[in-house]
Protein backbone atom coordinates (compact mmCIF):
# COMPACT_ATOMS: atom_id res chain seq x y z
CA MET A 1 109.75 -0.28 -28.22
CA PRO A 2 106.50 -2.28 -28.29
CA THR A 3 103.22 -0.52 -28.96
CA GLN A 4 101.23 -0.24 -25.74
CA ILE A 5 97.42 -0.19 -25.81
CA PRO A 6 95.52 0.72 -22.62
CA TYR A 7 93.21 -2.19 -21.86
CA PHE A 8 90.34 -2.68 -19.44
CA GLN A 9 88.06 -5.61 -18.73
CA VAL A 10 84.65 -4.78 -17.34
CA ASP A 11 81.70 -6.96 -16.29
CA SER A 12 78.64 -5.34 -17.84
CA PHE A 13 75.10 -5.85 -16.56
CA ALA A 14 76.63 -6.88 -13.23
CA ASP A 15 76.47 -5.53 -9.69
CA ARG A 16 79.62 -7.44 -8.69
CA PRO A 17 82.66 -8.96 -10.39
CA PHE A 18 82.32 -12.43 -11.93
CA ALA A 19 78.70 -11.82 -12.95
CA GLY A 20 77.12 -10.27 -16.03
CA ASN A 21 79.05 -10.23 -19.30
CA PRO A 22 82.79 -9.49 -19.45
CA ALA A 23 83.96 -7.15 -22.21
CA GLY A 24 87.44 -5.99 -23.11
CA VAL A 25 87.96 -2.32 -23.93
CA CYS A 26 90.99 -1.06 -25.91
CA VAL A 27 91.70 2.69 -26.05
CA LEU A 28 93.35 3.62 -29.35
CA PRO A 29 94.81 6.85 -30.81
CA ALA A 30 93.57 5.93 -34.32
CA TRP A 31 91.92 3.01 -36.09
CA PRO A 32 94.27 0.12 -36.93
CA ASP A 33 93.58 -2.56 -39.51
CA ALA A 34 90.48 -4.62 -38.77
CA ALA A 35 92.66 -7.74 -38.86
CA LEU A 36 94.61 -6.49 -35.84
CA MET A 37 91.45 -5.74 -33.86
CA GLN A 38 90.10 -9.17 -34.74
CA ALA A 39 93.36 -10.82 -33.59
CA ILE A 40 93.24 -8.92 -30.28
CA ALA A 41 89.62 -9.96 -29.73
CA ASP A 42 90.49 -13.58 -30.46
CA GLU A 43 93.39 -13.41 -28.00
CA ASN A 44 91.22 -11.79 -25.31
CA ALA A 45 88.69 -14.65 -25.65
CA VAL A 46 85.76 -12.79 -24.11
CA SER A 47 82.48 -12.49 -25.98
CA ALA A 48 83.29 -8.95 -27.15
CA THR A 49 86.25 -6.58 -27.22
CA ALA A 50 85.39 -2.92 -27.77
CA PHE A 51 87.78 -0.51 -29.50
CA LEU A 52 87.57 3.23 -28.74
CA VAL A 53 88.97 6.18 -30.70
CA ARG A 54 88.35 9.79 -29.66
CA GLU A 55 86.32 11.67 -32.29
CA GLY A 56 85.43 15.26 -31.41
CA ASP A 57 83.37 15.40 -28.22
CA GLY A 58 82.55 11.70 -28.45
CA TYR A 59 84.18 8.46 -29.52
CA GLY A 60 84.17 6.05 -32.39
CA LEU A 61 83.38 2.53 -31.21
CA ARG A 62 83.73 -0.89 -32.84
CA TRP A 63 83.21 -4.34 -31.36
CA PHE A 64 84.70 -7.72 -32.23
CA THR A 65 83.82 -11.19 -30.98
CA PRO A 66 86.58 -13.82 -31.16
CA ARG A 67 85.48 -14.47 -34.78
CA VAL A 68 83.62 -11.51 -36.30
CA GLU A 69 83.00 -7.77 -36.12
CA GLU A 70 79.61 -7.05 -34.56
CA GLU A 71 76.89 -4.80 -35.98
CA MET A 72 75.78 -3.82 -32.47
CA CYS A 73 76.96 -4.84 -29.02
CA GLY A 74 75.22 -3.59 -25.90
CA HIS A 75 77.51 -4.96 -23.21
CA GLY A 76 80.61 -3.77 -25.09
CA THR A 77 79.08 -0.29 -25.31
CA LEU A 78 78.29 -0.27 -21.60
CA ALA A 79 81.86 -1.34 -20.80
CA ALA A 80 83.31 1.33 -23.09
CA ALA A 81 81.10 3.95 -21.43
CA TRP A 82 82.35 2.92 -18.00
CA VAL A 83 85.95 3.36 -19.20
CA VAL A 84 85.18 6.85 -20.55
CA LEU A 85 83.08 8.06 -17.62
CA GLU A 86 85.18 6.55 -14.83
CA ARG A 87 88.75 6.48 -16.19
CA LEU A 88 89.27 8.71 -19.23
CA GLU A 89 86.93 11.59 -18.32
CA PRO A 90 85.81 11.10 -14.71
CA GLY A 91 82.94 13.38 -13.77
CA ARG A 92 81.45 13.42 -17.25
CA ALA A 93 77.74 12.50 -17.07
CA GLU A 94 77.13 11.09 -20.57
CA VAL A 95 79.07 9.82 -23.56
CA SER A 96 78.11 9.41 -27.21
CA PHE A 97 79.54 6.78 -29.56
CA ALA A 98 79.57 6.70 -33.37
CA THR A 99 79.03 3.05 -34.37
CA ARG A 100 77.86 0.79 -37.19
CA ALA A 101 74.46 0.79 -35.45
CA GLY A 102 74.24 4.59 -35.45
CA ARG A 103 74.86 6.95 -32.55
CA LEU A 104 74.60 5.27 -29.15
CA THR A 105 74.61 7.07 -25.82
CA VAL A 106 75.21 6.00 -22.24
CA ALA A 107 74.30 8.26 -19.32
CA ARG A 108 75.26 7.96 -15.68
CA ASP A 109 72.25 7.43 -13.39
CA GLY A 110 73.51 7.34 -9.81
CA GLY A 111 75.36 4.05 -9.51
CA ARG A 112 73.80 2.68 -12.69
CA TYR A 113 74.18 3.43 -16.40
CA ILE A 114 71.45 3.93 -18.98
CA LEU A 115 72.24 2.55 -22.43
CA ASP A 116 70.13 3.84 -25.34
CA LEU A 117 69.93 1.45 -28.32
CA PRO A 118 67.91 1.37 -31.54
CA ALA A 119 65.09 -1.16 -31.46
CA ARG A 120 65.85 -4.01 -33.87
CA ALA A 121 63.05 -5.29 -36.09
CA ILE A 122 61.84 -8.86 -35.74
CA VAL A 123 59.19 -10.63 -37.82
CA PRO A 124 57.32 -13.93 -37.44
CA CYS A 125 58.67 -16.78 -39.53
CA ALA A 126 58.39 -20.51 -39.95
CA ALA A 127 60.75 -22.48 -37.77
CA PRO A 128 63.85 -23.29 -39.85
CA ALA A 129 64.74 -26.91 -40.34
CA GLY A 130 66.80 -28.14 -37.44
CA LEU A 131 65.89 -25.42 -34.92
CA ALA A 132 64.05 -27.70 -32.49
CA ASP A 133 66.89 -30.24 -32.60
CA ALA A 134 69.45 -27.46 -32.14
CA ILE A 135 67.90 -26.00 -28.98
CA GLY A 136 66.32 -29.22 -27.70
CA ILE A 137 62.71 -28.00 -27.60
CA ALA A 138 59.94 -27.00 -30.01
CA ALA A 139 59.18 -23.28 -29.82
CA LYS A 140 55.66 -21.91 -29.39
CA GLU A 141 56.53 -19.15 -31.88
CA VAL A 142 59.58 -18.35 -34.00
CA LEU A 143 60.65 -14.91 -35.12
CA ARG A 144 63.49 -13.71 -37.29
CA GLY A 145 65.69 -10.69 -36.62
CA ALA A 146 69.45 -10.45 -36.29
CA SER A 147 69.09 -13.98 -34.88
CA TYR A 148 66.32 -16.54 -34.70
CA ILE A 149 64.07 -15.97 -31.69
CA ALA A 150 62.36 -19.01 -30.20
CA VAL A 151 59.47 -18.05 -27.92
CA LEU A 152 58.59 -20.49 -25.12
CA GLU A 153 55.89 -20.40 -22.46
CA ASP A 154 57.92 -21.40 -19.39
CA PRO A 155 61.09 -19.66 -18.14
CA ALA A 156 62.08 -22.87 -16.32
CA ALA A 157 62.38 -24.57 -19.70
CA ILE A 158 64.86 -21.88 -20.76
CA ALA A 159 67.01 -22.41 -17.70
CA ASP A 160 67.13 -26.16 -18.39
CA LEU A 161 68.16 -25.93 -22.07
CA ARG A 162 71.23 -27.87 -23.21
CA PRO A 163 71.49 -26.88 -26.89
CA ASP A 164 73.45 -28.73 -29.54
CA LEU A 165 75.88 -25.94 -30.39
CA ALA A 166 77.08 -27.53 -33.61
CA ARG A 167 73.50 -27.56 -34.88
CA VAL A 168 72.96 -23.97 -33.71
CA ALA A 169 76.07 -22.91 -35.64
CA ALA A 170 74.75 -24.65 -38.78
CA LEU A 171 71.61 -22.48 -38.94
CA ASP A 172 71.48 -19.71 -41.56
CA LEU A 173 71.43 -16.89 -38.96
CA PRO A 174 74.30 -16.36 -36.52
CA GLY A 175 72.58 -17.28 -33.29
CA VAL A 176 69.41 -18.25 -31.46
CA ILE A 177 67.65 -16.28 -28.74
CA VAL A 178 65.29 -18.29 -26.55
CA THR A 179 62.83 -16.19 -24.57
CA ALA A 180 59.72 -16.54 -22.39
CA PRO A 181 57.61 -14.47 -20.02
CA GLY A 182 59.10 -14.33 -16.55
CA ASP A 183 57.84 -16.00 -13.44
CA GLY A 184 56.30 -12.77 -12.12
CA ARG A 185 58.61 -12.66 -9.10
CA ASP A 186 62.18 -11.96 -10.25
CA CYS A 187 61.53 -10.77 -13.79
CA ASP A 188 58.98 -10.02 -16.48
CA ILE A 189 60.91 -11.72 -19.29
CA ALA A 190 63.64 -14.37 -19.35
CA SER A 191 66.05 -15.20 -22.16
CA ARG A 192 69.23 -16.98 -23.21
CA TYR A 193 71.39 -16.44 -26.32
CA PHE A 194 73.58 -18.94 -28.18
CA ALA A 195 75.93 -17.74 -30.94
CA PRO A 196 78.65 -20.34 -31.58
CA ALA A 197 79.11 -19.14 -35.17
CA LYS A 198 80.47 -15.90 -33.66
CA GLY A 199 82.78 -17.75 -31.29
CA ILE A 200 80.30 -17.33 -28.40
CA PRO A 201 78.80 -20.66 -27.24
CA GLU A 202 76.50 -18.76 -24.88
CA ASP A 203 76.55 -15.02 -24.32
CA PRO A 204 76.09 -14.33 -20.60
CA VAL A 205 74.03 -11.11 -20.83
CA THR A 206 73.27 -9.43 -24.15
CA GLY A 207 72.19 -5.84 -24.79
CA SER A 208 71.38 -6.36 -28.48
CA LEU A 209 69.15 -9.31 -27.55
CA HIS A 210 66.97 -6.97 -25.52
CA ALA A 211 66.87 -4.43 -28.37
CA GLN A 212 64.95 -7.19 -30.19
CA VAL A 213 62.80 -8.84 -27.51
CA VAL A 214 61.84 -5.85 -25.32
CA PRO A 215 59.51 -4.27 -27.94
CA PHE A 216 57.97 -7.71 -28.57
CA TRP A 217 57.29 -8.40 -24.90
CA SER A 218 56.27 -4.80 -24.21
CA ARG A 219 53.45 -5.16 -26.72
CA ARG A 220 52.59 -8.68 -25.58
CA LEU A 221 52.53 -7.81 -21.85
CA GLY A 222 51.01 -4.35 -22.33
CA ARG A 223 53.56 -2.20 -20.53
CA PRO A 224 56.70 -0.31 -21.61
CA ARG A 225 58.89 -0.97 -18.56
CA LEU A 226 60.09 -4.52 -17.97
CA VAL A 227 62.58 -6.32 -15.76
CA ALA A 228 64.60 -8.74 -17.88
CA ARG A 229 66.73 -11.61 -16.66
CA GLN A 230 69.23 -13.52 -18.78
CA LEU A 231 69.47 -17.05 -17.41
CA SER A 232 73.07 -17.89 -18.26
CA ARG A 233 75.46 -19.33 -15.66
CA ARG A 234 76.78 -15.85 -14.84
CA GLY A 235 73.37 -14.22 -15.20
CA GLY A 236 72.29 -10.61 -15.24
CA THR A 237 69.27 -8.41 -14.63
CA ILE A 238 68.37 -5.38 -16.77
CA LEU A 239 65.72 -2.70 -16.26
CA CYS A 240 64.29 -2.15 -19.74
CA GLU A 241 62.09 0.49 -21.32
CA ASP A 242 60.43 0.31 -24.75
CA ARG A 243 60.49 3.81 -26.26
CA GLY A 244 59.16 3.01 -29.72
CA ASP A 245 62.12 3.10 -32.08
CA ARG A 246 64.57 3.00 -29.15
CA VAL A 247 65.14 0.71 -26.17
CA ARG A 248 66.70 1.89 -22.92
CA LEU A 249 68.58 -0.54 -20.71
CA SER A 250 69.57 0.37 -17.17
CA ALA A 251 72.17 -1.72 -15.35
CA SER A 252 75.20 -1.76 -13.11
CA VAL A 253 78.82 -2.33 -14.15
CA ALA A 254 81.66 -4.00 -12.25
CA PRO A 255 85.30 -3.33 -13.26
CA PHE A 256 87.64 -6.31 -13.21
CA LEU A 257 91.11 -5.35 -14.50
CA SER A 258 93.17 -2.65 -16.16
CA GLY A 259 96.56 -2.81 -17.82
CA THR A 260 98.20 -2.67 -21.24
CA ILE A 261 98.37 -4.83 -24.32
CA GLU A 262 101.88 -4.88 -25.76
CA LEU A 263 102.39 -5.42 -29.47
CA PRO A 264 105.73 -5.59 -31.28
CA ASP A 265 106.48 -2.73 -33.65
């Protein structure tokens, strides 16, 4: 008999299907080899596949892009929380995950979910060689964190970017975030994220991105609560709160499919 793995696909940071960021979620009885999880993520071909294993009152959680295991993945965590709170343990109000990024929690908030992430440090740096050519524009400021962060002045310039993904992949950090203050109508901050080295040409809506840029913009704009918009083709809006060493992201989730992955014994 083949091994059957319960599988869900969920659109995170989305108030309807076909928006936000799709994540796969696999529910496992125990941890398999990392090579198998990587192969499943590659086959799923979404920007992240989350793998869940029950551990005490919470769950262990790991995330894989089509190419690498992630250190932290916000939309995969949100998708995994939806699976726990709506399918595995309906009625539960909050779930805690043990991850490579520490303990992450997601709490139900009416029809939305609040994701609590550690803030990720970023520091000013000189623009690396090739950055302007890679993204097609010279940044006003450049910072370095888990990715390069190019700060622009105009959100319209972000929406119009057509980066050279081969040049982005050749940089010495695995991705580039481009961010700017919002237009004051739809959002306070706007961003996009390109990570071709991880097998993600453009990530539609990224929780870990906001764990980096929300503290930066909170200080710059002088307020802890911000509305963030990621200007990808699918797009997504997140209500964000800077809480010092933590960042809270509030968003909706839209389920797309459920079924099983079948693997030969």
